[in-house]
Each structure stands twice: as structure tokens, then as C-alpha cells.
């Protein structure tokens, strides 16, 4: 049900569905480090880490001053937008996905910029921990540690 989702959340849903079809696991609103929050973090079948930022409008894109800070936290960086978004605004060298609330399509694949091994290990551990805690919260909503 998508009635309560904001436009960016709808895009994230379509991105997560698409990445799942490619063998990725995803976590939305993932915090790789203090002060950073990515819309979608994807962990691929070979341990690759993708960050996808979902932009629902020109104003949403222009208001994002942190996106360059995410580049050190992923192997590939993408923007996810809908078909009406002015894609000429998006920086060269970044990836592009066209998305809606049901699916996405990779239109432009960015070059890989491999994450350092120690950071990759930490990110995969944090990804797994966050995903497990979210699942636990869904299965046992009244519990708090």
C-alpha cells in the first residue's frame, strides 16, 4: 500500500524492488556515518555497495548539499528520479535510475570507485546489524533493549 508514502519514498520502493531482482539486499534511510543518511543502500551478491539518492523534484535535488559526502561510502553512486525529472541537472559521472513506486531501470551505470577494504567490512557489518534490528522491531514491536 503506497497511500502514505512521500514521493521520494515511492521512488525508494521501486529502487529496492529493482535491486532485489538483481540479487541485492537493500536498507532504506541507511546511516553509514554520523551526519549522513542515504535513501537506499544496496548490498550486492558480490559484496558491492551502492548508494541511491531519490530525488522527486528540482527543488529536492537543489536542496541536497551532502551528496558528495556519500561517494566515499559506496562502490557506485546513483540518482533515482521519475520520468518527469530534468535529468540534465544530475552531475556527470553519477549513475541514473528511472523509478516509480513499483520498479526502476538503470539508465546510466557509473564507474566503480571501490570502497577501501576496512570501510567495506564496517559497512557490511552495519548494514547487517541495521537490517536485523529493523526486522526484530517488526516482529516484536513492544520490545526495547
N, C-alpha and C. Protein backbone atom coordinates (compact mmCIF):
# COMPACT_ATOMS: atom_id res chain seq x y z
N UNK A 1 0.85 -1.19 0.00
CA UNK A 1 0.00 0.00 0.00
C UNK A 1 0.88 1.24 0.00
N UNK A 2 0.65 2.17 -0.93
CA UNK A 2 1.51 3.33 -1.07
C UNK A 2 0.82 4.63 -0.70
N UNK A 3 -0.33 4.58 -0.09
CA UNK A 3 -1.09 5.79 0.17
C UNK A 3 -0.35 6.79 1.06
N UNK A 4 0.41 6.34 2.02
CA UNK A 4 1.06 7.24 2.96
C UNK A 4 2.50 7.58 2.61
N UNK A 5 2.98 7.12 1.46
CA UNK A 5 4.37 7.35 1.09
C UNK A 5 4.56 8.71 0.44
N UNK A 6 5.65 9.38 0.80
CA UNK A 6 6.05 10.62 0.15
C UNK A 6 6.64 10.28 -1.22
N UNK A 7 6.75 11.26 -2.13
CA UNK A 7 7.28 10.96 -3.47
C UNK A 7 8.66 10.28 -3.46
N UNK A 8 9.58 10.74 -2.64
CA UNK A 8 10.91 10.12 -2.57
C UNK A 8 10.84 8.70 -2.04
N UNK A 9 9.92 8.44 -1.12
CA UNK A 9 9.75 7.09 -0.58
C UNK A 9 9.19 6.14 -1.64
N UNK A 10 8.33 6.66 -2.51
CA UNK A 10 7.82 5.83 -3.61
C UNK A 10 8.97 5.43 -4.54
N UNK A 11 9.83 6.40 -4.86
CA UNK A 11 11.00 6.09 -5.69
C UNK A 11 11.87 5.05 -5.02
N UNK A 12 12.12 5.20 -3.71
CA UNK A 12 12.95 4.25 -2.97
C UNK A 12 12.34 2.85 -3.02
N UNK A 13 11.03 2.77 -2.95
CA UNK A 13 10.36 1.46 -3.02
C UNK A 13 10.63 0.79 -4.36
N UNK A 14 10.49 1.55 -5.45
CA UNK A 14 10.76 1.00 -6.78
C UNK A 14 12.21 0.59 -6.94
N UNK A 15 13.13 1.42 -6.42
CA UNK A 15 14.56 1.10 -6.47
C UNK A 15 14.83 -0.19 -5.71
N UNK A 16 14.29 -0.31 -4.51
CA UNK A 16 14.52 -1.52 -3.71
C UNK A 16 13.99 -2.76 -4.42
N UNK A 17 12.85 -2.65 -5.04
CA UNK A 17 12.31 -3.79 -5.80
C UNK A 17 13.23 -4.18 -6.95
N UNK A 18 13.72 -3.17 -7.68
CA UNK A 18 14.60 -3.45 -8.81
C UNK A 18 15.91 -4.10 -8.34
N UNK A 19 16.50 -3.53 -7.30
CA UNK A 19 17.76 -4.09 -6.80
C UNK A 19 17.58 -5.50 -6.27
N UNK A 20 16.46 -5.77 -5.63
CA UNK A 20 16.18 -7.12 -5.16
C UNK A 20 16.17 -8.10 -6.33
N UNK A 21 15.61 -7.67 -7.45
CA UNK A 21 15.61 -8.50 -8.64
C UNK A 21 17.00 -8.76 -9.20
N UNK A 22 17.96 -7.90 -8.87
CA UNK A 22 19.35 -8.07 -9.30
C UNK A 22 20.18 -8.84 -8.26
N UNK A 23 19.53 -9.32 -7.20
CA UNK A 23 20.24 -10.09 -6.18
C UNK A 23 20.77 -9.26 -5.03
N UNK A 24 20.41 -7.99 -4.95
CA UNK A 24 20.85 -7.11 -3.86
C UNK A 24 19.91 -7.22 -2.67
N UNK A 25 20.44 -6.92 -1.51
CA UNK A 25 19.63 -6.65 -0.32
C UNK A 25 19.66 -5.14 -0.16
N UNK A 26 18.59 -4.56 0.35
CA UNK A 26 18.54 -3.10 0.49
C UNK A 26 18.11 -2.69 1.89
N UNK A 27 18.58 -1.53 2.29
CA UNK A 27 18.13 -0.87 3.51
C UNK A 27 17.86 0.58 3.14
N UNK A 28 16.65 1.05 3.44
CA UNK A 28 16.31 2.44 3.18
C UNK A 28 16.68 3.29 4.39
N UNK A 29 16.97 4.56 4.11
CA UNK A 29 17.35 5.52 5.15
C UNK A 29 18.48 4.96 6.01
N UNK A 30 19.52 4.52 5.35
CA UNK A 30 20.69 3.92 6.00
C UNK A 30 21.67 5.02 6.39
N UNK A 31 22.22 4.91 7.59
CA UNK A 31 23.19 5.88 8.10
C UNK A 31 24.57 5.23 8.11
N UNK A 32 25.40 5.53 7.09
CA UNK A 32 26.73 4.93 7.05
C UNK A 32 27.69 5.54 8.07
N UNK A 33 27.47 6.80 8.43
CA UNK A 33 28.31 7.50 9.40
C UNK A 33 27.49 8.65 9.97
N UNK A 34 27.88 9.13 11.13
CA UNK A 34 27.18 10.23 11.78
C UNK A 34 27.06 11.41 10.80
N UNK A 35 25.85 11.95 10.69
CA UNK A 35 25.61 13.10 9.84
C UNK A 35 25.25 12.76 8.41
N UNK A 36 25.26 11.48 8.06
CA UNK A 36 24.89 11.05 6.71
C UNK A 36 23.71 10.10 6.78
N UNK A 37 22.79 10.23 5.82
CA UNK A 37 21.66 9.31 5.72
C UNK A 37 21.34 9.16 4.25
N UNK A 38 21.56 7.97 3.73
CA UNK A 38 21.29 7.72 2.31
C UNK A 38 19.88 7.16 2.15
N UNK A 39 19.28 7.45 1.01
CA UNK A 39 17.91 6.99 0.79
C UNK A 39 17.84 5.47 0.66
N UNK A 40 18.73 4.89 -0.13
CA UNK A 40 18.78 3.44 -0.28
C UNK A 40 20.24 3.01 -0.35
N UNK A 41 20.60 2.02 0.46
CA UNK A 41 21.91 1.37 0.39
C UNK A 41 21.64 -0.04 -0.12
N UNK A 42 22.34 -0.41 -1.17
CA UNK A 42 22.21 -1.75 -1.71
C UNK A 42 23.48 -2.54 -1.48
N UNK A 43 23.33 -3.77 -1.03
CA UNK A 43 24.45 -4.70 -0.84
C UNK A 43 24.28 -5.81 -1.85
N UNK A 44 25.20 -5.86 -2.82
CA UNK A 44 25.09 -6.81 -3.91
C UNK A 44 25.60 -8.20 -3.61
N UNK A 45 25.34 -9.13 -4.51
CA UNK A 45 25.72 -10.53 -4.30
C UNK A 45 27.23 -10.75 -4.22
N UNK A 46 28.01 -9.83 -4.71
CA UNK A 46 29.48 -9.96 -4.63
C UNK A 46 30.07 -9.00 -3.60
N UNK A 47 29.20 -8.47 -2.71
CA UNK A 47 29.65 -7.56 -1.66
C UNK A 47 29.76 -6.11 -2.10
N UNK A 48 29.27 -5.79 -3.31
CA UNK A 48 29.34 -4.42 -3.77
C UNK A 48 28.31 -3.55 -3.03
N UNK A 49 28.67 -2.30 -2.81
CA UNK A 49 27.84 -1.36 -2.07
C UNK A 49 27.42 -0.21 -2.99
N UNK A 50 26.13 -0.04 -3.15
CA UNK A 50 25.60 1.04 -3.98
C UNK A 50 24.78 1.98 -3.11
N UNK A 51 24.94 3.27 -3.35
CA UNK A 51 24.10 4.29 -2.72
C UNK A 51 23.20 4.87 -3.80
N UNK A 52 21.91 4.98 -3.47
CA UNK A 52 20.95 5.56 -4.39
C UNK A 52 20.21 6.67 -3.65
N UNK A 53 20.31 7.87 -4.18
CA UNK A 53 19.60 9.02 -3.64
C UNK A 53 18.39 9.28 -4.52
N UNK A 54 17.22 9.36 -3.91
CA UNK A 54 15.95 9.53 -4.61
C UNK A 54 15.55 11.00 -4.59
N UNK A 55 15.37 11.57 -5.78
CA UNK A 55 15.00 12.98 -5.89
C UNK A 55 13.69 13.10 -6.64
N UNK A 56 12.71 13.74 -5.99
CA UNK A 56 11.37 13.82 -6.55
C UNK A 56 11.11 15.13 -7.28
N UNK A 57 12.02 16.09 -7.17
CA UNK A 57 11.81 17.37 -7.85
C UNK A 57 13.13 18.13 -7.98
N UNK A 58 13.09 19.17 -8.80
CA UNK A 58 14.26 20.05 -8.96
C UNK A 58 14.65 20.65 -7.61
N UNK A 59 13.67 21.11 -6.84
CA UNK A 59 13.95 21.71 -5.53
C UNK A 59 14.57 20.69 -4.57
N UNK A 60 14.08 19.47 -4.61
CA UNK A 60 14.63 18.40 -3.77
C UNK A 60 16.11 18.18 -4.11
N UNK A 61 16.43 18.16 -5.39
CA UNK A 61 17.81 17.98 -5.82
C UNK A 61 18.67 19.17 -5.42
N UNK A 62 18.21 20.37 -5.67
CA UNK A 62 18.99 21.58 -5.36
C UNK A 62 19.23 21.73 -3.87
N UNK A 63 18.33 21.20 -3.05
CA UNK A 63 18.48 21.30 -1.60
C UNK A 63 19.42 20.27 -1.00
N UNK A 64 19.95 19.37 -1.81
CA UNK A 64 20.83 18.30 -1.31
C UNK A 64 22.28 18.73 -1.43
N UNK A 65 22.84 19.20 -0.32
CA UNK A 65 24.23 19.66 -0.32
C UNK A 65 25.20 18.57 0.14
N UNK A 66 24.68 17.43 0.60
CA UNK A 66 25.54 16.39 1.19
C UNK A 66 25.93 15.27 0.23
N UNK A 67 25.37 15.23 -0.95
CA UNK A 67 25.51 14.03 -1.78
C UNK A 67 26.96 13.67 -2.06
N UNK A 68 27.86 14.62 -2.21
CA UNK A 68 29.27 14.30 -2.47
C UNK A 68 29.91 13.55 -1.29
N UNK A 69 29.38 13.79 -0.08
CA UNK A 69 29.90 13.09 1.10
C UNK A 69 29.61 11.60 1.07
N UNK A 70 28.66 11.18 0.26
CA UNK A 70 28.30 9.77 0.18
C UNK A 70 29.24 8.97 -0.72
N UNK A 71 29.99 9.64 -1.57
CA UNK A 71 30.82 8.95 -2.56
C UNK A 71 31.86 8.03 -1.93
N UNK A 72 32.38 8.39 -0.76
CA UNK A 72 33.38 7.57 -0.08
C UNK A 72 32.78 6.35 0.61
N UNK A 73 31.47 6.22 0.58
CA UNK A 73 30.78 5.16 1.31
C UNK A 73 30.13 4.14 0.38
N UNK A 74 30.50 4.16 -0.90
CA UNK A 74 29.88 3.21 -1.83
C UNK A 74 30.82 2.95 -3.01
N UNK A 75 30.56 1.83 -3.68
CA UNK A 75 31.30 1.49 -4.89
C UNK A 75 30.70 2.20 -6.12
N UNK A 76 29.39 2.42 -6.07
CA UNK A 76 28.70 3.12 -7.16
C UNK A 76 27.63 4.02 -6.56
N UNK A 77 27.49 5.21 -7.14
CA UNK A 77 26.52 6.20 -6.65
C UNK A 77 25.51 6.50 -7.76
N UNK A 78 24.23 6.43 -7.40
CA UNK A 78 23.14 6.66 -8.35
C UNK A 78 22.17 7.72 -7.84
N UNK A 79 21.52 8.36 -8.79
CA UNK A 79 20.32 9.15 -8.53
C UNK A 79 19.15 8.32 -9.03
N UNK A 80 18.04 8.37 -8.30
CA UNK A 80 16.79 7.75 -8.77
C UNK A 80 15.77 8.87 -8.89
N UNK A 81 15.19 9.01 -10.08
CA UNK A 81 14.22 10.06 -10.35
C UNK A 81 13.08 9.47 -11.18
N UNK A 82 11.97 10.21 -11.27
CA UNK A 82 10.89 9.74 -12.12
C UNK A 82 11.09 10.27 -13.54
N UNK A 83 10.22 9.86 -14.44
CA UNK A 83 10.41 10.19 -15.85
C UNK A 83 10.23 11.68 -16.15
N UNK A 84 9.62 12.43 -15.27
CA UNK A 84 9.43 13.86 -15.48
C UNK A 84 10.56 14.73 -14.94
N UNK A 85 11.54 14.12 -14.30
CA UNK A 85 12.63 14.88 -13.68
C UNK A 85 13.60 15.40 -14.76
N UNK A 86 14.09 16.64 -14.63
CA UNK A 86 15.05 17.18 -15.60
C UNK A 86 16.45 16.58 -15.37
N UNK A 87 16.73 15.45 -16.00
CA UNK A 87 17.96 14.70 -15.74
C UNK A 87 19.23 15.45 -16.13
N UNK A 88 19.12 16.51 -16.93
CA UNK A 88 20.30 17.30 -17.28
C UNK A 88 20.89 18.01 -16.06
N UNK A 89 20.14 18.09 -14.96
CA UNK A 89 20.65 18.69 -13.72
C UNK A 89 21.65 17.77 -13.00
N UNK A 90 21.56 16.47 -13.25
CA UNK A 90 22.34 15.50 -12.50
C UNK A 90 23.81 15.51 -12.94
N UNK A 91 24.73 15.45 -11.98
CA UNK A 91 26.16 15.55 -12.28
C UNK A 91 26.67 14.40 -13.15
N UNK A 92 27.60 14.73 -14.05
CA UNK A 92 28.29 13.73 -14.86
C UNK A 92 29.02 12.75 -13.95
N UNK A 93 29.16 11.53 -14.40
CA UNK A 93 29.90 10.53 -13.64
C UNK A 93 29.09 9.80 -12.59
N UNK A 94 27.87 10.25 -12.35
CA UNK A 94 27.00 9.57 -11.39
C UNK A 94 26.03 8.68 -12.17
N UNK A 95 25.49 7.68 -11.48
CA UNK A 95 24.55 6.79 -12.11
C UNK A 95 23.15 7.37 -12.12
N UNK A 96 22.31 6.78 -12.94
CA UNK A 96 20.93 7.25 -13.05
C UNK A 96 19.99 6.06 -13.15
N UNK A 97 18.95 6.11 -12.32
CA UNK A 97 17.85 5.16 -12.39
C UNK A 97 16.57 5.94 -12.59
N UNK A 98 15.73 5.45 -13.47
CA UNK A 98 14.38 5.98 -13.59
C UNK A 98 13.50 5.04 -12.77
N UNK A 99 12.68 5.63 -11.90
CA UNK A 99 11.92 4.80 -10.97
C UNK A 99 10.51 5.33 -10.78
N UNK A 100 9.68 4.45 -10.28
CA UNK A 100 8.36 4.81 -9.78
C UNK A 100 8.13 3.95 -8.54
N UNK A 101 6.93 3.90 -8.05
CA UNK A 101 6.67 3.15 -6.83
C UNK A 101 6.69 1.64 -6.98
N UNK A 102 6.86 1.16 -8.21
CA UNK A 102 6.77 -0.27 -8.45
C UNK A 102 8.05 -0.91 -8.99
N UNK A 103 8.91 -0.11 -9.60
CA UNK A 103 10.12 -0.68 -10.20
C UNK A 103 11.07 0.46 -10.55
N UNK A 104 12.21 0.10 -11.08
CA UNK A 104 13.20 1.07 -11.55
C UNK A 104 13.96 0.46 -12.71
N UNK A 105 14.70 1.31 -13.39
CA UNK A 105 15.53 0.86 -14.50
C UNK A 105 16.84 1.64 -14.43
N UNK A 106 17.95 0.93 -14.58
CA UNK A 106 19.24 1.61 -14.61
C UNK A 106 19.43 2.16 -16.02
N UNK A 107 19.55 3.47 -16.10
CA UNK A 107 19.70 4.15 -17.39
C UNK A 107 21.17 4.47 -17.64
N UNK A 108 21.89 4.81 -16.57
CA UNK A 108 23.31 5.13 -16.69
C UNK A 108 24.06 4.49 -15.52
N UNK A 109 25.01 3.63 -15.85
CA UNK A 109 25.82 2.96 -14.83
C UNK A 109 27.07 3.81 -14.58
N UNK A 110 27.31 4.19 -13.33
CA UNK A 110 28.52 4.96 -13.05
C UNK A 110 29.74 4.04 -12.99
N UNK A 111 30.91 4.62 -13.16
CA UNK A 111 32.13 3.86 -12.98
C UNK A 111 32.23 3.42 -11.53
N UNK A 112 32.85 2.26 -11.32
CA UNK A 112 33.07 1.77 -9.96
C UNK A 112 34.19 2.55 -9.30
N UNK A 113 34.00 2.89 -8.04
CA UNK A 113 35.02 3.53 -7.21
C UNK A 113 35.09 2.69 -5.93
N UNK A 114 35.88 1.61 -5.95
CA UNK A 114 35.84 0.65 -4.83
C UNK A 114 36.12 1.27 -3.46
N UNK A 115 35.30 0.86 -2.52
CA UNK A 115 35.45 1.27 -1.13
C UNK A 115 36.64 0.52 -0.54
N UNK A 116 37.40 1.17 0.31
CA UNK A 116 38.54 0.53 0.99
C UNK A 116 38.05 -0.68 1.78
N UNK A 117 38.89 -1.70 1.86
CA UNK A 117 38.50 -2.98 2.49
C UNK A 117 38.01 -2.82 3.92
N UNK A 118 38.70 -2.04 4.73
CA UNK A 118 38.29 -1.87 6.13
C UNK A 118 36.93 -1.18 6.22
N UNK A 119 36.70 -0.18 5.39
CA UNK A 119 35.42 0.53 5.38
C UNK A 119 34.32 -0.40 4.87
N UNK A 120 34.61 -1.20 3.85
CA UNK A 120 33.62 -2.15 3.32
C UNK A 120 33.18 -3.10 4.43
N UNK A 121 34.15 -3.64 5.16
CA UNK A 121 33.83 -4.58 6.24
C UNK A 121 32.92 -3.92 7.28
N UNK A 122 33.26 -2.70 7.67
CA UNK A 122 32.46 -1.97 8.65
C UNK A 122 31.05 -1.70 8.11
N UNK A 123 30.95 -1.30 6.83
CA UNK A 123 29.64 -1.01 6.25
C UNK A 123 28.76 -2.25 6.14
N UNK A 124 29.35 -3.36 5.74
CA UNK A 124 28.57 -4.60 5.64
C UNK A 124 28.09 -5.04 7.02
N UNK A 125 28.94 -4.90 8.03
CA UNK A 125 28.54 -5.23 9.41
C UNK A 125 27.38 -4.32 9.86
N UNK A 126 27.50 -3.02 9.60
CA UNK A 126 26.46 -2.07 10.00
C UNK A 126 25.17 -2.34 9.22
N UNK A 127 25.30 -2.65 7.93
CA UNK A 127 24.14 -2.98 7.11
C UNK A 127 23.40 -4.17 7.71
N UNK A 128 24.13 -5.23 8.02
CA UNK A 128 23.51 -6.44 8.58
C UNK A 128 22.86 -6.15 9.94
N UNK A 129 23.55 -5.40 10.77
CA UNK A 129 23.02 -5.08 12.10
C UNK A 129 21.75 -4.24 12.00
N UNK A 130 21.78 -3.21 11.16
CA UNK A 130 20.59 -2.37 10.99
C UNK A 130 19.41 -3.18 10.45
N UNK A 131 19.67 -4.00 9.44
CA UNK A 131 18.60 -4.81 8.86
C UNK A 131 18.01 -5.77 9.91
N UNK A 132 18.87 -6.40 10.68
CA UNK A 132 18.39 -7.34 11.71
C UNK A 132 17.58 -6.61 12.79
N UNK A 133 18.03 -5.45 13.20
CA UNK A 133 17.29 -4.69 14.22
C UNK A 133 15.93 -4.24 13.70
N UNK A 134 15.87 -3.84 12.43
CA UNK A 134 14.59 -3.43 11.86
C UNK A 134 13.63 -4.62 11.79
N UNK A 135 14.14 -5.77 11.40
CA UNK A 135 13.30 -6.96 11.35
C UNK A 135 12.81 -7.32 12.75
N UNK A 136 13.69 -7.24 13.74
CA UNK A 136 13.30 -7.54 15.11
C UNK A 136 12.20 -6.58 15.57
N UNK A 137 12.34 -5.30 15.26
CA UNK A 137 11.34 -4.32 15.66
C UNK A 137 9.98 -4.62 15.02
N UNK A 138 9.98 -5.13 13.80
CA UNK A 138 8.71 -5.50 13.15
C UNK A 138 8.09 -6.73 13.78
N UNK A 139 8.94 -7.68 14.16
CA UNK A 139 8.44 -8.94 14.72
C UNK A 139 8.07 -8.82 16.19
N UNK A 140 8.68 -7.86 16.91
CA UNK A 140 8.46 -7.71 18.34
C UNK A 140 8.40 -6.23 18.69
N UNK A 141 7.34 -5.53 18.24
CA UNK A 141 7.28 -4.07 18.37
C UNK A 141 7.27 -3.54 19.80
N UNK A 142 6.88 -4.33 20.76
CA UNK A 142 6.83 -3.85 22.13
C UNK A 142 8.13 -3.98 22.90
N UNK A 143 9.11 -4.64 22.32
CA UNK A 143 10.37 -4.91 23.00
C UNK A 143 11.33 -3.74 22.84
N UNK A 144 12.01 -3.39 23.92
CA UNK A 144 13.10 -2.42 23.81
C UNK A 144 14.24 -2.90 24.72
N UNK A 145 15.44 -2.84 24.17
CA UNK A 145 16.61 -3.33 24.92
C UNK A 145 17.17 -2.24 25.80
